[in-house]
N, C-alpha and C. Protein backbone atom coordinates (compact mmCIF):
# COMPACT_ATOMS: atom_id res chain seq x y z
N UNK A 1 3.50 -77.32 -124.18
CA UNK A 1 4.14 -77.89 -123.04
C UNK A 1 5.00 -76.81 -122.35
N UNK A 2 4.93 -76.75 -121.04
CA UNK A 2 5.67 -75.75 -120.29
C UNK A 2 7.05 -76.28 -119.93
N UNK A 3 7.97 -75.37 -119.86
CA UNK A 3 9.31 -75.77 -119.46
C UNK A 3 9.41 -75.78 -117.95
N UNK A 4 10.46 -76.42 -117.46
CA UNK A 4 10.66 -76.49 -116.01
C UNK A 4 10.84 -75.10 -115.41
N UNK A 5 11.53 -74.22 -116.11
CA UNK A 5 11.78 -72.89 -115.54
C UNK A 5 10.49 -72.09 -115.44
N UNK A 6 9.57 -72.24 -116.39
CA UNK A 6 8.32 -71.48 -116.28
C UNK A 6 7.43 -72.05 -115.17
N UNK A 7 7.47 -73.38 -114.94
CA UNK A 7 6.72 -73.97 -113.84
C UNK A 7 7.31 -73.50 -112.51
N UNK A 8 8.62 -73.42 -112.44
CA UNK A 8 9.27 -72.94 -111.23
C UNK A 8 8.91 -71.49 -110.96
N UNK A 9 8.85 -70.67 -112.00
CA UNK A 9 8.48 -69.26 -111.85
C UNK A 9 7.05 -69.14 -111.36
N UNK A 10 6.16 -69.96 -111.93
CA UNK A 10 4.75 -69.95 -111.51
C UNK A 10 4.65 -70.35 -110.03
N UNK A 11 5.41 -71.36 -109.62
CA UNK A 11 5.38 -71.81 -108.23
C UNK A 11 5.87 -70.72 -107.29
N UNK A 12 6.96 -70.05 -107.67
CA UNK A 12 7.50 -68.97 -106.84
C UNK A 12 6.51 -67.82 -106.75
N UNK A 13 5.88 -67.47 -107.87
CA UNK A 13 4.89 -66.39 -107.87
C UNK A 13 3.68 -66.76 -107.01
N UNK A 14 3.23 -68.00 -107.13
CA UNK A 14 2.08 -68.44 -106.33
C UNK A 14 2.40 -68.37 -104.84
N UNK A 15 3.62 -68.81 -104.48
CA UNK A 15 4.04 -68.74 -103.08
C UNK A 15 4.13 -67.31 -102.59
N UNK A 16 4.66 -66.43 -103.42
CA UNK A 16 4.77 -65.02 -103.03
C UNK A 16 3.40 -64.39 -102.85
N UNK A 17 2.46 -64.71 -103.74
CA UNK A 17 1.11 -64.17 -103.63
C UNK A 17 0.41 -64.69 -102.37
N UNK A 18 0.63 -65.97 -102.06
CA UNK A 18 0.02 -66.54 -100.85
C UNK A 18 0.57 -65.85 -99.61
N UNK A 19 1.88 -65.64 -99.58
CA UNK A 19 2.50 -64.96 -98.43
C UNK A 19 2.00 -63.53 -98.31
N UNK A 20 1.86 -62.84 -99.45
CA UNK A 20 1.35 -61.47 -99.42
C UNK A 20 -0.09 -61.46 -98.93
N UNK A 21 -0.88 -62.43 -99.34
CA UNK A 21 -2.26 -62.52 -98.88
C UNK A 21 -2.35 -62.68 -97.38
N UNK A 22 -1.45 -63.50 -96.80
CA UNK A 22 -1.43 -63.66 -95.35
C UNK A 22 -1.02 -62.37 -94.66
N UNK A 23 -0.10 -61.66 -95.25
CA UNK A 23 0.36 -60.42 -94.64
C UNK A 23 -0.75 -59.37 -94.59
N UNK A 24 -1.65 -59.39 -95.56
CA UNK A 24 -2.71 -58.40 -95.60
C UNK A 24 -4.05 -58.92 -95.10
N UNK A 25 -4.10 -60.16 -94.65
CA UNK A 25 -5.35 -60.73 -94.14
C UNK A 25 -5.72 -60.02 -92.83
N UNK A 26 -7.02 -59.80 -92.59
CA UNK A 26 -7.41 -59.16 -91.34
C UNK A 26 -7.07 -60.07 -90.17
N UNK A 27 -6.62 -59.48 -89.11
CA UNK A 27 -6.26 -60.26 -87.93
C UNK A 27 -7.39 -60.17 -86.92
N UNK A 28 -7.44 -61.17 -86.07
CA UNK A 28 -8.43 -61.14 -84.99
C UNK A 28 -8.02 -60.03 -84.03
N UNK A 29 -8.99 -59.34 -83.51
CA UNK A 29 -8.71 -58.26 -82.58
C UNK A 29 -8.26 -58.78 -81.24
N UNK A 30 -7.70 -57.92 -80.49
CA UNK A 30 -7.28 -58.27 -79.14
C UNK A 30 -7.84 -57.21 -78.19
N UNK A 31 -8.24 -57.67 -77.04
CA UNK A 31 -8.76 -56.76 -76.03
C UNK A 31 -7.79 -56.76 -74.85
N UNK A 32 -7.58 -55.60 -74.29
CA UNK A 32 -6.69 -55.49 -73.13
C UNK A 32 -7.36 -54.61 -72.08
N UNK A 33 -7.34 -54.95 -70.84
CA UNK A 33 -6.86 -56.23 -70.32
C UNK A 33 -7.84 -57.35 -70.68
N UNK A 34 -7.41 -58.59 -70.56
CA UNK A 34 -8.28 -59.73 -70.86
C UNK A 34 -9.32 -59.97 -69.79
N UNK A 35 -9.00 -59.53 -68.57
CA UNK A 35 -9.99 -59.65 -67.49
C UNK A 35 -9.84 -58.46 -66.54
N UNK A 36 -10.94 -58.19 -65.86
CA UNK A 36 -10.97 -57.07 -64.91
C UNK A 36 -11.98 -57.42 -63.82
N UNK A 37 -11.91 -56.70 -62.73
CA UNK A 37 -12.88 -56.87 -61.66
C UNK A 37 -13.63 -55.56 -61.43
N UNK A 38 -14.84 -55.68 -60.94
CA UNK A 38 -15.65 -54.52 -60.57
C UNK A 38 -16.62 -55.00 -59.50
N UNK A 39 -17.10 -54.07 -58.70
CA UNK A 39 -18.05 -54.40 -57.65
C UNK A 39 -19.46 -54.04 -58.10
N UNK A 40 -20.40 -54.96 -57.84
CA UNK A 40 -21.80 -54.78 -58.20
C UNK A 40 -22.68 -54.95 -56.97
N UNK A 41 -23.78 -54.21 -56.91
CA UNK A 41 -24.77 -54.32 -55.85
C UNK A 41 -26.05 -54.83 -56.48
N UNK A 42 -26.47 -56.02 -56.07
CA UNK A 42 -27.66 -56.65 -56.64
C UNK A 42 -28.83 -56.62 -55.66
N UNK A 43 -28.85 -55.60 -54.80
CA UNK A 43 -29.96 -55.44 -53.86
C UNK A 43 -30.06 -56.61 -52.91
N UNK A 44 -31.26 -57.11 -52.71
CA UNK A 44 -31.51 -58.22 -51.80
C UNK A 44 -30.83 -59.52 -52.21
N UNK A 45 -30.33 -59.58 -53.42
CA UNK A 45 -29.65 -60.78 -53.91
C UNK A 45 -28.17 -60.79 -53.54
N UNK A 46 -27.69 -59.69 -52.99
CA UNK A 46 -26.29 -59.64 -52.58
C UNK A 46 -25.47 -58.79 -53.53
N UNK A 47 -24.21 -59.03 -53.53
CA UNK A 47 -23.30 -58.27 -54.37
C UNK A 47 -21.88 -58.56 -53.98
N UNK A 48 -20.98 -57.78 -54.55
CA UNK A 48 -19.57 -57.96 -54.27
C UNK A 48 -18.77 -57.86 -55.55
N UNK A 49 -17.56 -58.33 -55.49
CA UNK A 49 -16.66 -58.23 -56.63
C UNK A 49 -16.96 -59.30 -57.66
N UNK A 50 -17.05 -58.88 -58.90
CA UNK A 50 -17.25 -59.79 -60.02
C UNK A 50 -16.02 -59.72 -60.92
N UNK A 51 -15.71 -60.84 -61.54
CA UNK A 51 -14.62 -60.89 -62.53
C UNK A 51 -15.25 -60.93 -63.91
N UNK A 52 -14.81 -60.02 -64.77
CA UNK A 52 -15.28 -59.97 -66.16
C UNK A 52 -14.12 -60.37 -67.05
N UNK A 53 -14.37 -61.32 -67.95
CA UNK A 53 -13.35 -61.79 -68.88
C UNK A 53 -13.83 -61.51 -70.29
N UNK A 54 -13.02 -60.79 -71.06
CA UNK A 54 -13.42 -60.37 -72.41
C UNK A 54 -12.58 -61.04 -73.48
N UNK A 55 -13.20 -61.30 -74.62
CA UNK A 55 -12.51 -61.79 -75.81
C UNK A 55 -13.00 -60.99 -77.00
N UNK A 56 -12.23 -61.01 -78.07
CA UNK A 56 -12.60 -60.27 -79.27
C UNK A 56 -12.13 -61.02 -80.51
N UNK A 57 -12.98 -61.00 -81.54
CA UNK A 57 -12.63 -61.51 -82.86
C UNK A 57 -13.25 -60.55 -83.86
N UNK A 58 -12.44 -59.61 -84.35
CA UNK A 58 -12.96 -58.57 -85.24
C UNK A 58 -13.89 -57.67 -84.46
N UNK A 59 -15.13 -57.50 -84.96
CA UNK A 59 -16.09 -56.65 -84.26
C UNK A 59 -16.94 -57.44 -83.27
N UNK A 60 -16.80 -58.75 -83.26
CA UNK A 60 -17.54 -59.59 -82.32
C UNK A 60 -16.75 -59.69 -81.02
N UNK A 61 -17.42 -59.51 -79.91
CA UNK A 61 -16.77 -59.61 -78.61
C UNK A 61 -17.67 -60.36 -77.65
N UNK A 62 -17.06 -60.97 -76.66
CA UNK A 62 -17.82 -61.64 -75.60
C UNK A 62 -17.27 -61.23 -74.25
N UNK A 63 -18.15 -61.27 -73.27
CA UNK A 63 -17.75 -61.05 -71.88
C UNK A 63 -18.41 -62.12 -71.03
N UNK A 64 -17.60 -62.76 -70.19
CA UNK A 64 -18.10 -63.73 -69.23
C UNK A 64 -17.99 -63.10 -67.85
N UNK A 65 -19.06 -63.22 -67.06
CA UNK A 65 -19.11 -62.62 -65.73
C UNK A 65 -19.16 -63.73 -64.69
N UNK A 66 -18.22 -63.69 -63.76
CA UNK A 66 -18.25 -64.56 -62.59
C UNK A 66 -18.54 -63.64 -61.42
N UNK A 67 -19.75 -63.76 -60.88
CA UNK A 67 -20.19 -62.78 -59.88
C UNK A 67 -20.00 -63.29 -58.46
N UNK A 68 -20.14 -62.38 -57.52
CA UNK A 68 -20.10 -62.73 -56.11
C UNK A 68 -21.47 -63.21 -55.64
N UNK A 69 -22.50 -63.00 -56.45
CA UNK A 69 -23.85 -63.44 -56.11
C UNK A 69 -23.90 -64.96 -56.24
N UNK A 70 -24.48 -65.61 -55.26
CA UNK A 70 -24.61 -67.07 -55.30
C UNK A 70 -26.06 -67.45 -55.56
N UNK A 71 -26.24 -68.60 -56.16
CA UNK A 71 -27.59 -69.08 -56.44
C UNK A 71 -28.10 -69.90 -55.24
N UNK A 72 -29.32 -69.64 -54.76
CA UNK A 72 -29.83 -70.37 -53.61
C UNK A 72 -30.22 -71.82 -53.96
N UNK A 73 -30.46 -72.08 -55.24
CA UNK A 73 -30.82 -73.43 -55.68
C UNK A 73 -30.01 -73.77 -56.93
N UNK A 74 -29.96 -75.04 -57.28
CA UNK A 74 -29.24 -75.46 -58.47
C UNK A 74 -29.91 -74.87 -59.72
N UNK A 75 -29.08 -74.49 -60.67
CA UNK A 75 -29.57 -73.92 -61.93
C UNK A 75 -28.93 -74.71 -63.06
N UNK A 76 -29.77 -75.19 -63.99
CA UNK A 76 -29.25 -75.94 -65.12
C UNK A 76 -28.49 -75.07 -66.10
N UNK A 77 -27.76 -75.71 -66.98
CA UNK A 77 -26.99 -75.00 -68.01
C UNK A 77 -27.92 -74.19 -68.90
N UNK A 78 -27.47 -73.00 -69.26
CA UNK A 78 -28.16 -72.10 -70.19
C UNK A 78 -29.58 -71.74 -69.74
N UNK A 79 -29.71 -71.48 -68.45
CA UNK A 79 -31.00 -71.10 -67.88
C UNK A 79 -31.04 -69.65 -67.43
N UNK A 80 -29.91 -68.95 -67.45
CA UNK A 80 -29.86 -67.57 -66.98
C UNK A 80 -29.73 -66.64 -68.19
N UNK A 81 -30.74 -65.83 -68.40
CA UNK A 81 -30.66 -64.80 -69.44
C UNK A 81 -30.01 -63.57 -68.83
N UNK A 82 -29.12 -62.94 -69.56
CA UNK A 82 -28.42 -61.79 -68.97
C UNK A 82 -28.15 -60.71 -70.00
N UNK A 83 -28.13 -59.48 -69.50
CA UNK A 83 -27.75 -58.31 -70.29
C UNK A 83 -26.74 -57.52 -69.45
N UNK A 84 -25.56 -57.32 -70.01
CA UNK A 84 -24.52 -56.53 -69.37
C UNK A 84 -24.35 -55.25 -70.18
N UNK A 85 -24.53 -54.11 -69.53
CA UNK A 85 -24.36 -52.83 -70.20
C UNK A 85 -23.05 -52.23 -69.75
N UNK A 86 -22.24 -51.82 -70.72
CA UNK A 86 -20.93 -51.21 -70.44
C UNK A 86 -20.94 -49.78 -70.95
N UNK A 87 -20.33 -48.88 -70.20
CA UNK A 87 -20.21 -47.48 -70.61
C UNK A 87 -19.05 -47.35 -71.59
N UNK A 88 -19.31 -46.64 -72.69
CA UNK A 88 -18.29 -46.42 -73.71
C UNK A 88 -17.66 -45.05 -73.48
N UNK A 89 -16.32 -45.01 -73.44
CA UNK A 89 -15.62 -43.73 -73.28
C UNK A 89 -16.03 -42.80 -74.41
N UNK A 90 -16.30 -41.57 -74.09
CA UNK A 90 -16.74 -40.61 -75.10
C UNK A 90 -18.25 -40.56 -75.24
N UNK A 91 -18.97 -41.43 -74.53
CA UNK A 91 -20.44 -41.42 -74.57
C UNK A 91 -21.02 -42.66 -75.19
N UNK A 92 -22.18 -43.01 -74.75
CA UNK A 92 -22.88 -44.17 -75.27
C UNK A 92 -22.59 -45.42 -74.47
N UNK A 93 -23.15 -46.52 -74.93
CA UNK A 93 -22.99 -47.81 -74.26
C UNK A 93 -22.80 -48.91 -75.29
N UNK A 94 -22.35 -50.04 -74.82
CA UNK A 94 -22.32 -51.28 -75.58
C UNK A 94 -23.00 -52.32 -74.70
N UNK A 95 -23.83 -53.17 -75.32
CA UNK A 95 -24.59 -54.16 -74.59
C UNK A 95 -24.17 -55.56 -75.01
N UNK A 96 -24.02 -56.44 -74.02
CA UNK A 96 -23.67 -57.83 -74.24
C UNK A 96 -24.80 -58.68 -73.68
N UNK A 97 -25.32 -59.59 -74.48
CA UNK A 97 -26.49 -60.37 -74.06
C UNK A 97 -26.29 -61.85 -74.35
N UNK A 98 -27.09 -62.65 -73.69
CA UNK A 98 -27.08 -64.08 -73.97
C UNK A 98 -27.80 -64.85 -72.89
N UNK A 99 -27.96 -66.11 -73.16
CA UNK A 99 -28.54 -67.05 -72.20
C UNK A 99 -27.58 -68.23 -72.12
N UNK A 100 -26.42 -67.95 -71.56
CA UNK A 100 -25.36 -68.94 -71.46
C UNK A 100 -24.84 -68.97 -70.03
N UNK A 101 -24.81 -70.15 -69.46
CA UNK A 101 -24.21 -70.37 -68.16
C UNK A 101 -23.95 -71.86 -67.99
N UNK A 102 -22.93 -72.20 -67.23
CA UNK A 102 -22.74 -73.62 -66.92
C UNK A 102 -23.79 -74.05 -65.90
N UNK A 103 -23.96 -75.34 -65.71
CA UNK A 103 -24.82 -75.83 -64.63
C UNK A 103 -24.21 -75.36 -63.31
N UNK A 104 -25.06 -74.84 -62.43
CA UNK A 104 -24.60 -74.29 -61.15
C UNK A 104 -25.24 -75.03 -60.00
N UNK A 105 -24.45 -75.39 -59.01
CA UNK A 105 -24.96 -76.03 -57.80
C UNK A 105 -25.49 -74.96 -56.85
N UNK A 106 -26.38 -75.35 -55.96
CA UNK A 106 -26.87 -74.42 -54.94
C UNK A 106 -25.70 -73.87 -54.15
N UNK A 107 -25.69 -72.56 -53.93
CA UNK A 107 -24.63 -71.92 -53.18
C UNK A 107 -23.41 -71.54 -54.00
N UNK A 108 -23.41 -71.87 -55.29
CA UNK A 108 -22.27 -71.56 -56.15
C UNK A 108 -22.38 -70.14 -56.72
N UNK A 109 -21.24 -69.50 -56.94
CA UNK A 109 -21.23 -68.17 -57.58
C UNK A 109 -21.83 -68.27 -58.97
N UNK A 110 -22.62 -67.28 -59.32
CA UNK A 110 -23.27 -67.26 -60.63
C UNK A 110 -22.23 -66.91 -61.69
N UNK A 111 -22.15 -67.74 -62.71
CA UNK A 111 -21.28 -67.52 -63.86
C UNK A 111 -22.18 -67.37 -65.08
N UNK A 112 -22.02 -66.27 -65.80
CA UNK A 112 -22.85 -66.00 -66.97
C UNK A 112 -21.93 -65.74 -68.15
N UNK A 113 -22.25 -66.36 -69.26
CA UNK A 113 -21.50 -66.05 -70.47
C UNK A 113 -20.92 -67.27 -71.12
N UNK A 114 -20.36 -67.02 -72.26
CA UNK A 114 -20.04 -65.71 -72.80
C UNK A 114 -21.28 -64.97 -73.32
N UNK A 115 -21.36 -63.70 -72.95
CA UNK A 115 -22.41 -62.81 -73.46
C UNK A 115 -21.85 -62.13 -74.70
N UNK A 116 -22.64 -62.09 -75.75
CA UNK A 116 -22.15 -61.58 -77.04
C UNK A 116 -22.51 -60.12 -77.26
N UNK A 117 -21.60 -59.40 -77.89
CA UNK A 117 -21.83 -58.00 -78.25
C UNK A 117 -20.98 -57.61 -79.44
N UNK A 118 -21.17 -56.40 -79.88
CA UNK A 118 -20.42 -55.86 -81.02
C UNK A 118 -19.61 -54.66 -80.55
N UNK A 119 -18.36 -54.62 -80.98
CA UNK A 119 -17.47 -53.51 -80.62
C UNK A 119 -16.84 -52.94 -81.89
N UNK A 120 -16.29 -51.76 -81.74
CA UNK A 120 -15.53 -51.13 -82.83
C UNK A 120 -14.10 -50.96 -82.35
N UNK A 121 -13.19 -50.91 -83.29
CA UNK A 121 -11.79 -50.69 -82.95
C UNK A 121 -11.65 -49.39 -82.16
N UNK A 122 -10.96 -49.47 -81.05
CA UNK A 122 -10.76 -48.29 -80.21
C UNK A 122 -11.79 -48.14 -79.10
N UNK A 123 -12.84 -48.96 -79.10
CA UNK A 123 -13.82 -48.88 -78.01
C UNK A 123 -13.14 -49.12 -76.67
N UNK A 124 -13.43 -48.25 -75.72
CA UNK A 124 -12.96 -48.39 -74.35
C UNK A 124 -14.19 -48.53 -73.48
N UNK A 125 -14.39 -49.70 -72.88
CA UNK A 125 -15.61 -49.99 -72.13
C UNK A 125 -15.31 -50.21 -70.66
N UNK A 126 -16.14 -49.59 -69.82
CA UNK A 126 -15.95 -49.66 -68.38
C UNK A 126 -17.32 -49.85 -67.72
N UNK A 127 -17.33 -49.89 -66.40
CA UNK A 127 -18.58 -50.05 -65.65
C UNK A 127 -19.58 -48.96 -66.02
N UNK A 128 -20.86 -49.36 -66.04
CA UNK A 128 -21.96 -48.46 -66.39
C UNK A 128 -22.65 -48.04 -65.10
N UNK A 129 -22.73 -46.71 -64.86
CA UNK A 129 -23.30 -46.20 -63.61
C UNK A 129 -24.65 -45.50 -63.78
N UNK A 130 -25.16 -45.36 -64.99
CA UNK A 130 -26.38 -44.57 -65.23
C UNK A 130 -27.64 -45.44 -65.27
N UNK A 131 -27.66 -46.51 -64.52
CA UNK A 131 -28.81 -47.41 -64.50
C UNK A 131 -28.33 -48.83 -64.20
N UNK A 132 -29.17 -49.80 -64.54
CA UNK A 132 -28.83 -51.20 -64.29
C UNK A 132 -27.66 -51.59 -65.18
N UNK A 133 -26.59 -52.09 -64.57
CA UNK A 133 -25.41 -52.50 -65.32
C UNK A 133 -25.50 -53.97 -65.73
N UNK A 134 -26.05 -54.80 -64.86
CA UNK A 134 -26.19 -56.23 -65.14
C UNK A 134 -27.59 -56.67 -64.76
N UNK A 135 -28.30 -57.20 -65.72
CA UNK A 135 -29.65 -57.73 -65.49
C UNK A 135 -29.62 -59.22 -65.76
N UNK A 136 -30.04 -60.00 -64.77
CA UNK A 136 -30.12 -61.46 -64.92
C UNK A 136 -31.57 -61.89 -64.72
N UNK A 137 -32.01 -62.82 -65.52
CA UNK A 137 -33.34 -63.40 -65.35
C UNK A 137 -33.16 -64.90 -65.12
N UNK A 138 -33.52 -65.31 -63.89
CA UNK A 138 -33.34 -66.69 -63.48
C UNK A 138 -34.70 -67.24 -63.06
N UNK A 139 -35.18 -68.26 -63.76
CA UNK A 139 -36.50 -68.84 -63.47
C UNK A 139 -37.59 -67.78 -63.46
N UNK A 140 -37.49 -66.80 -64.33
CA UNK A 140 -38.49 -65.75 -64.44
C UNK A 140 -38.32 -64.63 -63.43
N UNK A 141 -37.35 -64.73 -62.55
CA UNK A 141 -37.10 -63.69 -61.55
C UNK A 141 -35.98 -62.79 -62.06
N UNK A 142 -36.25 -61.49 -62.07
CA UNK A 142 -35.25 -60.54 -62.54
C UNK A 142 -34.39 -60.06 -61.39
N UNK A 143 -33.08 -60.11 -61.60
CA UNK A 143 -32.10 -59.62 -60.63
C UNK A 143 -31.35 -58.47 -61.30
N UNK A 144 -31.54 -57.27 -60.78
CA UNK A 144 -30.86 -56.08 -61.32
C UNK A 144 -29.66 -55.73 -60.44
N UNK A 145 -28.53 -55.52 -61.10
CA UNK A 145 -27.30 -55.18 -60.38
C UNK A 145 -26.76 -53.85 -60.87
N UNK A 146 -26.39 -53.00 -59.93
CA UNK A 146 -25.78 -51.71 -60.24
C UNK A 146 -24.28 -51.81 -60.04
N UNK A 147 -23.52 -51.20 -60.94
CA UNK A 147 -22.08 -51.13 -60.77
C UNK A 147 -21.78 -50.14 -59.65
N UNK A 148 -20.86 -50.52 -58.76
CA UNK A 148 -20.47 -49.68 -57.65
C UNK A 148 -19.08 -49.09 -57.89
N UNK A 149 -18.24 -49.82 -58.62
CA UNK A 149 -16.88 -49.35 -58.89
C UNK A 149 -16.57 -49.46 -60.39
N UNK A 150 -15.59 -48.70 -60.80
CA UNK A 150 -15.04 -48.87 -62.15
C UNK A 150 -14.24 -50.16 -62.19
N UNK A 151 -13.94 -50.63 -63.37
CA UNK A 151 -13.16 -51.84 -63.53
C UNK A 151 -11.71 -51.63 -63.10
N UNK A 152 -11.14 -52.69 -62.56
CA UNK A 152 -9.73 -52.69 -62.19
C UNK A 152 -9.07 -53.87 -62.87
N UNK A 153 -8.00 -53.74 -63.58
CA UNK A 153 -7.06 -52.63 -63.58
C UNK A 153 -7.46 -51.47 -64.49
N UNK A 154 -8.52 -51.60 -65.24
CA UNK A 154 -8.96 -50.50 -66.09
C UNK A 154 -9.98 -50.99 -67.10
N UNK A 155 -10.43 -50.10 -67.98
CA UNK A 155 -11.46 -50.46 -68.95
C UNK A 155 -10.93 -51.47 -69.98
N UNK A 156 -11.87 -52.17 -70.61
CA UNK A 156 -11.53 -53.04 -71.74
C UNK A 156 -11.32 -52.13 -72.95
N UNK A 157 -10.19 -52.26 -73.61
CA UNK A 157 -9.92 -51.50 -74.82
C UNK A 157 -9.80 -52.49 -75.97
N UNK A 158 -10.68 -52.34 -76.95
CA UNK A 158 -10.75 -53.27 -78.07
C UNK A 158 -9.97 -52.70 -79.26
N UNK A 159 -9.30 -53.60 -79.98
CA UNK A 159 -8.51 -53.15 -81.13
C UNK A 159 -9.18 -53.54 -82.44
C-alpha cells in the first residue's frame, strides 16, 4: 500500500513531466506575411492583381489564390485543377497543387485553394518568373498565367 506522500510525489512528477513534454512538443509553423498580392498575366483570359493567402503546419503548407481573372460561366465546387509554382530564394522552386475551389458564379473572381505543398523551415517563396507561375485547368481548358510582379509586401517566409 502506498502512502499519501508517495502518491503526492508521483502526481507532482507526472505533472512536471507533462509540462516538460508540452514545452518540448513541436509547434506548428508560422508563415509571414500571411497574405500577399502579386500581378499575373493570363493572356486572353485576362489578368491583374491576385491575393495569395498562405498557412503552415510543420512542413505542410497551403496557398489560396483569389485572382483578378473572372469565370465566364458558373463553375461547381472543386472543378478547377491548379498548380502554383513559387520561386525559392537561393534557387529552386516549390509547387502547390490541388483541385479545390468554392462554387463560382458567372463573372466571379476565380478562387483556388487551398493548394497543398511542402516547405522547409526558412523557405522564402516569391513570384516565379521563369515560366508559367499559375496553371489552371477548368473544364479541360488550360489557363496559363505568368507572374508580372513580385509579391507585396514581400515573399512568404516559412518557419
